[in-house]
Amino acid sequence: MIEEQLKKILATEAEADKIEADARAEAEKIIADAHAKAKELIAQAEARAQRRLQELRAQAEADGKAEAERLTQVQEKLLQRLRKRYNDLHTKVVKEADLELASILALAKE
C-alpha cells in the first residue's frame, strides 16, 4: 500500500514536472512570439516614419522652390519698377537739360 502511494506520489510529481515544463515551454514560445511581433511592429513603424520623413522633405523642398520662385518674381517686378523709375527720371533730366541747353543757345544768339 505504501508502495502504491509512493508510486502515485512519484507519478504525480512527474506529471507536475511535465506540466511545469510544458507551461515553461509554452511561456517561452509566447514570449518569443511576442518579441518577434514587437520587432515586426517596430520595423513597420520605422518604415512608416521613414516614408513620412521623405514626404515631409519633398514637401519642404517643393515649398522652398515655390517660395524661391515667388521671391524671384517679386524681385523681378521690383527691378522692372526701378528700371521704369530710372528711365522716367533719365527722360526728365534729359528734357530739362535740353531745355536748359536751348535756353543757353537762345541767350547766346542774342
N, C-alpha and C. Protein backbone atom coordinates (compact mmCIF):
# COMPACT_ATOMS: atom_id res chain seq x y z
N MET A 1 0.81 -1.18 0.00
CA MET A 1 0.00 0.00 0.00
C MET A 1 0.87 1.26 0.00
N ILE A 2 1.91 1.28 0.80
CA ILE A 2 2.81 2.43 0.82
C ILE A 2 3.52 2.55 -0.53
N GLU A 3 3.84 1.40 -1.09
CA GLU A 3 4.49 1.43 -2.39
C GLU A 3 3.57 2.06 -3.43
N GLU A 4 2.34 1.70 -3.39
CA GLU A 4 1.38 2.25 -4.33
C GLU A 4 1.22 3.76 -4.14
N GLN A 5 1.18 4.18 -2.89
CA GLN A 5 1.07 5.61 -2.61
C GLN A 5 2.33 6.34 -3.07
N LEU A 6 3.50 5.72 -2.85
CA LEU A 6 4.76 6.33 -3.31
C LEU A 6 4.77 6.42 -4.84
N LYS A 7 4.30 5.35 -5.49
CA LYS A 7 4.24 5.36 -6.95
C LYS A 7 3.30 6.46 -7.43
N LYS A 8 2.16 6.61 -6.75
CA LYS A 8 1.20 7.66 -7.12
C LYS A 8 1.83 9.04 -6.91
N ILE A 9 2.53 9.18 -5.78
CA ILE A 9 3.17 10.48 -5.49
C ILE A 9 4.23 10.77 -6.54
N LEU A 10 5.06 9.77 -6.85
CA LEU A 10 6.10 9.96 -7.86
C LEU A 10 5.49 10.24 -9.23
N ALA A 11 4.42 9.52 -9.55
CA ALA A 11 3.74 9.75 -10.82
C ALA A 11 3.15 11.16 -10.85
N THR A 12 2.58 11.56 -9.73
CA THR A 12 2.01 12.91 -9.63
C THR A 12 3.10 13.95 -9.76
N GLU A 13 4.24 13.74 -9.11
CA GLU A 13 5.36 14.68 -9.21
C GLU A 13 5.89 14.72 -10.64
N ALA A 14 6.01 13.56 -11.27
CA ALA A 14 6.48 13.52 -12.65
C ALA A 14 5.50 14.24 -13.56
N GLU A 15 4.22 14.02 -13.33
CA GLU A 15 3.19 14.70 -14.12
C GLU A 15 3.25 16.21 -13.88
N ALA A 16 3.44 16.60 -12.62
CA ALA A 16 3.56 18.03 -12.28
C ALA A 16 4.79 18.62 -12.95
N ASP A 17 5.91 17.88 -12.92
CA ASP A 17 7.13 18.36 -13.59
C ASP A 17 6.91 18.52 -15.09
N LYS A 18 6.20 17.56 -15.69
CA LYS A 18 5.91 17.64 -17.13
C LYS A 18 5.00 18.83 -17.42
N ILE A 19 3.98 19.01 -16.60
CA ILE A 19 3.07 20.15 -16.78
C ILE A 19 3.85 21.46 -16.64
N GLU A 20 4.73 21.52 -15.64
CA GLU A 20 5.54 22.73 -15.43
C GLU A 20 6.46 22.96 -16.62
N ALA A 21 7.10 21.89 -17.12
CA ALA A 21 7.98 22.03 -18.28
C ALA A 21 7.20 22.46 -19.51
N ASP A 22 6.02 21.86 -19.70
CA ASP A 22 5.17 22.26 -20.83
C ASP A 22 4.75 23.72 -20.71
N ALA A 23 4.37 24.12 -19.51
CA ALA A 23 3.96 25.51 -19.28
C ALA A 23 5.13 26.46 -19.52
N ARG A 24 6.31 26.07 -19.04
CA ARG A 24 7.50 26.90 -19.25
C ARG A 24 7.80 27.01 -20.75
N ALA A 25 7.73 25.90 -21.47
CA ALA A 25 7.98 25.91 -22.91
C ALA A 25 6.95 26.78 -23.62
N GLU A 26 5.70 26.65 -23.23
CA GLU A 26 4.64 27.47 -23.84
C GLU A 26 4.86 28.95 -23.54
N ALA A 27 5.25 29.27 -22.31
CA ALA A 27 5.52 30.66 -21.94
C ALA A 27 6.69 31.21 -22.75
N GLU A 28 7.75 30.41 -22.90
CA GLU A 28 8.90 30.85 -23.69
C GLU A 28 8.50 31.07 -25.15
N LYS A 29 7.64 30.20 -25.67
CA LYS A 29 7.16 30.36 -27.05
C LYS A 29 6.34 31.64 -27.18
N ILE A 30 5.47 31.88 -26.21
CA ILE A 30 4.65 33.10 -26.23
C ILE A 30 5.54 34.33 -26.17
N ILE A 31 6.55 34.29 -25.30
CA ILE A 31 7.48 35.43 -25.18
C ILE A 31 8.25 35.62 -26.48
N ALA A 32 8.73 34.52 -27.07
CA ALA A 32 9.47 34.62 -28.34
C ALA A 32 8.57 35.17 -29.44
N ASP A 33 7.32 34.69 -29.49
CA ASP A 33 6.37 35.21 -30.49
C ASP A 33 6.10 36.70 -30.26
N ALA A 34 5.97 37.08 -28.99
CA ALA A 34 5.72 38.49 -28.67
C ALA A 34 6.92 39.35 -29.09
N HIS A 35 8.13 38.86 -28.84
CA HIS A 35 9.33 39.60 -29.26
C HIS A 35 9.37 39.74 -30.78
N ALA A 36 9.06 38.64 -31.48
CA ALA A 36 9.06 38.69 -32.94
C ALA A 36 8.02 39.68 -33.45
N LYS A 37 6.83 39.64 -32.87
CA LYS A 37 5.76 40.57 -33.28
C LYS A 37 6.16 42.01 -32.98
N ALA A 38 6.76 42.22 -31.80
CA ALA A 38 7.20 43.58 -31.44
C ALA A 38 8.27 44.06 -32.42
N LYS A 39 9.19 43.17 -32.78
CA LYS A 39 10.24 43.54 -33.73
C LYS A 39 9.62 43.90 -35.08
N GLU A 40 8.65 43.12 -35.52
CA GLU A 40 7.95 43.39 -36.77
C GLU A 40 7.22 44.73 -36.72
N LEU A 41 6.53 44.99 -35.62
CA LEU A 41 5.80 46.25 -35.48
C LEU A 41 6.75 47.44 -35.45
N ILE A 42 7.89 47.27 -34.79
CA ILE A 42 8.89 48.34 -34.76
C ILE A 42 9.41 48.61 -36.16
N ALA A 43 9.70 47.54 -36.91
CA ALA A 43 10.18 47.70 -38.28
C ALA A 43 9.14 48.42 -39.14
N GLN A 44 7.87 48.05 -38.98
CA GLN A 44 6.81 48.72 -39.74
C GLN A 44 6.71 50.20 -39.36
N ALA A 45 6.81 50.48 -38.07
CA ALA A 45 6.74 51.87 -37.61
C ALA A 45 7.92 52.67 -38.15
N GLU A 46 9.11 52.06 -38.14
CA GLU A 46 10.28 52.75 -38.68
C GLU A 46 10.11 53.02 -40.17
N ALA A 47 9.57 52.04 -40.89
CA ALA A 47 9.35 52.23 -42.33
C ALA A 47 8.34 53.35 -42.58
N ARG A 48 7.26 53.38 -41.79
CA ARG A 48 6.27 54.46 -41.94
C ARG A 48 6.91 55.81 -41.60
N ALA A 49 7.72 55.83 -40.56
CA ALA A 49 8.38 57.08 -40.18
C ALA A 49 9.33 57.55 -41.28
N GLN A 50 10.06 56.63 -41.90
CA GLN A 50 10.96 57.00 -42.99
C GLN A 50 10.18 57.55 -44.18
N ARG A 51 9.07 56.88 -44.52
CA ARG A 51 8.25 57.37 -45.64
C ARG A 51 7.71 58.76 -45.34
N ARG A 52 7.24 58.96 -44.13
CA ARG A 52 6.69 60.27 -43.74
C ARG A 52 7.79 61.34 -43.79
N LEU A 53 8.98 60.96 -43.31
CA LEU A 53 10.10 61.89 -43.34
C LEU A 53 10.44 62.27 -44.78
N GLN A 54 10.44 61.29 -45.67
CA GLN A 54 10.71 61.58 -47.08
C GLN A 54 9.62 62.47 -47.67
N GLU A 55 8.37 62.21 -47.30
CA GLU A 55 7.26 63.05 -47.77
C GLU A 55 7.44 64.49 -47.28
N LEU A 56 7.79 64.62 -46.00
CA LEU A 56 7.98 65.97 -45.44
C LEU A 56 9.15 66.68 -46.10
N ARG A 57 10.24 65.94 -46.36
CA ARG A 57 11.39 66.55 -47.04
C ARG A 57 11.01 67.01 -48.44
N ALA A 58 10.28 66.15 -49.15
CA ALA A 58 9.86 66.50 -50.51
C ALA A 58 8.94 67.72 -50.48
N GLN A 59 8.03 67.76 -49.51
CA GLN A 59 7.12 68.90 -49.39
C GLN A 59 7.89 70.17 -49.05
N ALA A 60 8.85 70.05 -48.13
CA ALA A 60 9.66 71.22 -47.76
C ALA A 60 10.46 71.71 -48.96
N GLU A 61 10.99 70.77 -49.74
CA GLU A 61 11.75 71.16 -50.93
C GLU A 61 10.84 71.86 -51.94
N ALA A 62 9.66 71.29 -52.15
CA ALA A 62 8.71 71.90 -53.08
C ALA A 62 8.28 73.28 -52.59
N ASP A 63 8.01 73.39 -51.29
CA ASP A 63 7.63 74.68 -50.72
C ASP A 63 8.77 75.69 -50.87
N GLY A 64 10.00 75.23 -50.64
CA GLY A 64 11.16 76.11 -50.78
C GLY A 64 11.32 76.60 -52.21
N LYS A 65 11.15 75.68 -53.16
CA LYS A 65 11.25 76.08 -54.57
C LYS A 65 10.15 77.06 -54.94
N ALA A 66 8.95 76.80 -54.46
CA ALA A 66 7.83 77.71 -54.76
C ALA A 66 8.09 79.09 -54.16
N GLU A 67 8.60 79.11 -52.93
CA GLU A 67 8.90 80.39 -52.29
C GLU A 67 10.03 81.11 -53.02
N ALA A 68 11.04 80.37 -53.45
CA ALA A 68 12.14 80.98 -54.20
C ALA A 68 11.61 81.57 -55.51
N GLU A 69 10.73 80.84 -56.18
CA GLU A 69 10.13 81.34 -57.42
C GLU A 69 9.31 82.59 -57.16
N ARG A 70 8.53 82.57 -56.09
CA ARG A 70 7.71 83.74 -55.74
C ARG A 70 8.61 84.95 -55.47
N LEU A 71 9.67 84.72 -54.69
CA LEU A 71 10.58 85.83 -54.37
C LEU A 71 11.30 86.33 -55.62
N THR A 72 11.63 85.41 -56.52
CA THR A 72 12.26 85.82 -57.78
C THR A 72 11.31 86.70 -58.59
N GLN A 73 10.04 86.33 -58.62
CA GLN A 73 9.05 87.13 -59.34
C GLN A 73 8.87 88.50 -58.69
N VAL A 74 8.84 88.52 -57.37
CA VAL A 74 8.72 89.80 -56.65
C VAL A 74 9.93 90.67 -56.95
N GLN A 75 11.11 90.05 -56.92
CA GLN A 75 12.33 90.80 -57.20
C GLN A 75 12.32 91.33 -58.64
N GLU A 76 11.87 90.51 -59.57
CA GLU A 76 11.80 90.94 -60.97
C GLU A 76 10.83 92.12 -61.13
N LYS A 77 9.70 92.07 -60.45
CA LYS A 77 8.75 93.19 -60.52
C LYS A 77 9.36 94.46 -59.94
N LEU A 78 10.08 94.30 -58.82
CA LEU A 78 10.74 95.47 -58.23
C LEU A 78 11.80 96.03 -59.18
N LEU A 79 12.56 95.14 -59.81
CA LEU A 79 13.57 95.61 -60.77
C LEU A 79 12.91 96.34 -61.95
N GLN A 80 11.79 95.82 -62.42
CA GLN A 80 11.07 96.48 -63.51
C GLN A 80 10.61 97.87 -63.08
N ARG A 81 10.09 97.96 -61.85
CA ARG A 81 9.65 99.27 -61.36
C ARG A 81 10.83 100.23 -61.22
N LEU A 82 11.95 99.70 -60.73
CA LEU A 82 13.14 100.55 -60.61
C LEU A 82 13.65 101.00 -61.98
N ARG A 83 13.65 100.08 -62.95
CA ARG A 83 14.07 100.45 -64.31
C ARG A 83 13.16 101.53 -64.89
N LYS A 84 11.85 101.34 -64.70
CA LYS A 84 10.89 102.33 -65.21
C LYS A 84 11.13 103.68 -64.53
N ARG A 85 11.31 103.64 -63.22
CA ARG A 85 11.56 104.89 -62.48
C ARG A 85 12.85 105.55 -62.96
N TYR A 86 13.89 104.72 -63.15
CA TYR A 86 15.16 105.26 -63.65
C TYR A 86 14.97 105.88 -65.03
N ASN A 87 14.27 105.15 -65.91
CA ASN A 87 14.05 105.67 -67.27
C ASN A 87 13.23 106.96 -67.24
N ASP A 88 12.20 106.99 -66.39
CA ASP A 88 11.40 108.22 -66.27
C ASP A 88 12.25 109.39 -65.79
N LEU A 89 13.06 109.13 -64.76
CA LEU A 89 13.92 110.20 -64.25
C LEU A 89 14.96 110.61 -65.29
N HIS A 90 15.51 109.64 -65.98
CA HIS A 90 16.51 109.93 -67.01
C HIS A 90 15.90 110.79 -68.11
N THR A 91 14.69 110.40 -68.53
CA THR A 91 13.99 111.18 -69.57
C THR A 91 13.73 112.60 -69.08
N LYS A 92 13.30 112.73 -67.84
CA LYS A 92 13.03 114.06 -67.27
C LYS A 92 14.30 114.90 -67.24
N VAL A 93 15.40 114.29 -66.78
CA VAL A 93 16.67 115.03 -66.70
C VAL A 93 17.14 115.44 -68.09
N VAL A 94 17.01 114.53 -69.05
CA VAL A 94 17.44 114.85 -70.42
C VAL A 94 16.58 115.98 -70.98
N LYS A 95 15.28 115.94 -70.75
CA LYS A 95 14.40 117.02 -71.23
C LYS A 95 14.79 118.35 -70.60
N GLU A 96 15.03 118.31 -69.27
CA GLU A 96 15.43 119.55 -68.59
C GLU A 96 16.76 120.05 -69.13
N ALA A 97 17.67 119.11 -69.38
CA ALA A 97 18.97 119.52 -69.93
C ALA A 97 18.79 120.10 -71.33
N ASP A 98 17.92 119.50 -72.12
CA ASP A 98 17.66 120.03 -73.47
C ASP A 98 17.06 121.43 -73.39
N LEU A 99 16.12 121.63 -72.43
CA LEU A 99 15.53 122.96 -72.27
C LEU A 99 16.58 123.97 -71.84
N GLU A 100 17.43 123.57 -70.92
CA GLU A 100 18.48 124.49 -70.47
C GLU A 100 19.45 124.79 -71.60
N LEU A 101 19.76 123.74 -72.36
CA LEU A 101 20.67 123.95 -73.50
C LEU A 101 20.02 124.88 -74.52
N ALA A 102 18.73 124.68 -74.76
CA ALA A 102 18.03 125.55 -75.70
C ALA A 102 18.02 126.99 -75.18
N SER A 103 17.82 127.14 -73.87
CA SER A 103 17.83 128.49 -73.28
C SER A 103 19.21 129.11 -73.41
N ILE A 104 20.23 128.33 -73.15
CA ILE A 104 21.60 128.85 -73.26
C ILE A 104 21.89 129.24 -74.70
N LEU A 105 21.49 128.39 -75.63
CA LEU A 105 21.73 128.70 -77.05
C LEU A 105 20.94 129.95 -77.48
N ALA A 106 19.73 130.07 -76.96
CA ALA A 106 18.93 131.25 -77.30
C ALA A 106 19.57 132.50 -76.73
N LEU A 107 20.06 132.42 -75.51
CA LEU A 107 20.73 133.56 -74.91
C LEU A 107 22.03 133.87 -75.65
N ALA A 108 22.68 132.83 -76.10
CA ALA A 108 23.94 133.03 -76.80
C ALA A 108 23.71 133.72 -78.14
N LYS A 109 22.58 133.48 -78.77
CA LYS A 109 22.28 134.10 -80.06
C LYS A 109 21.94 135.57 -79.88
N GLU A 110 21.43 135.91 -78.75
CA GLU A 110 21.02 137.30 -78.54
C GLU A 110 22.16 138.16 -78.27
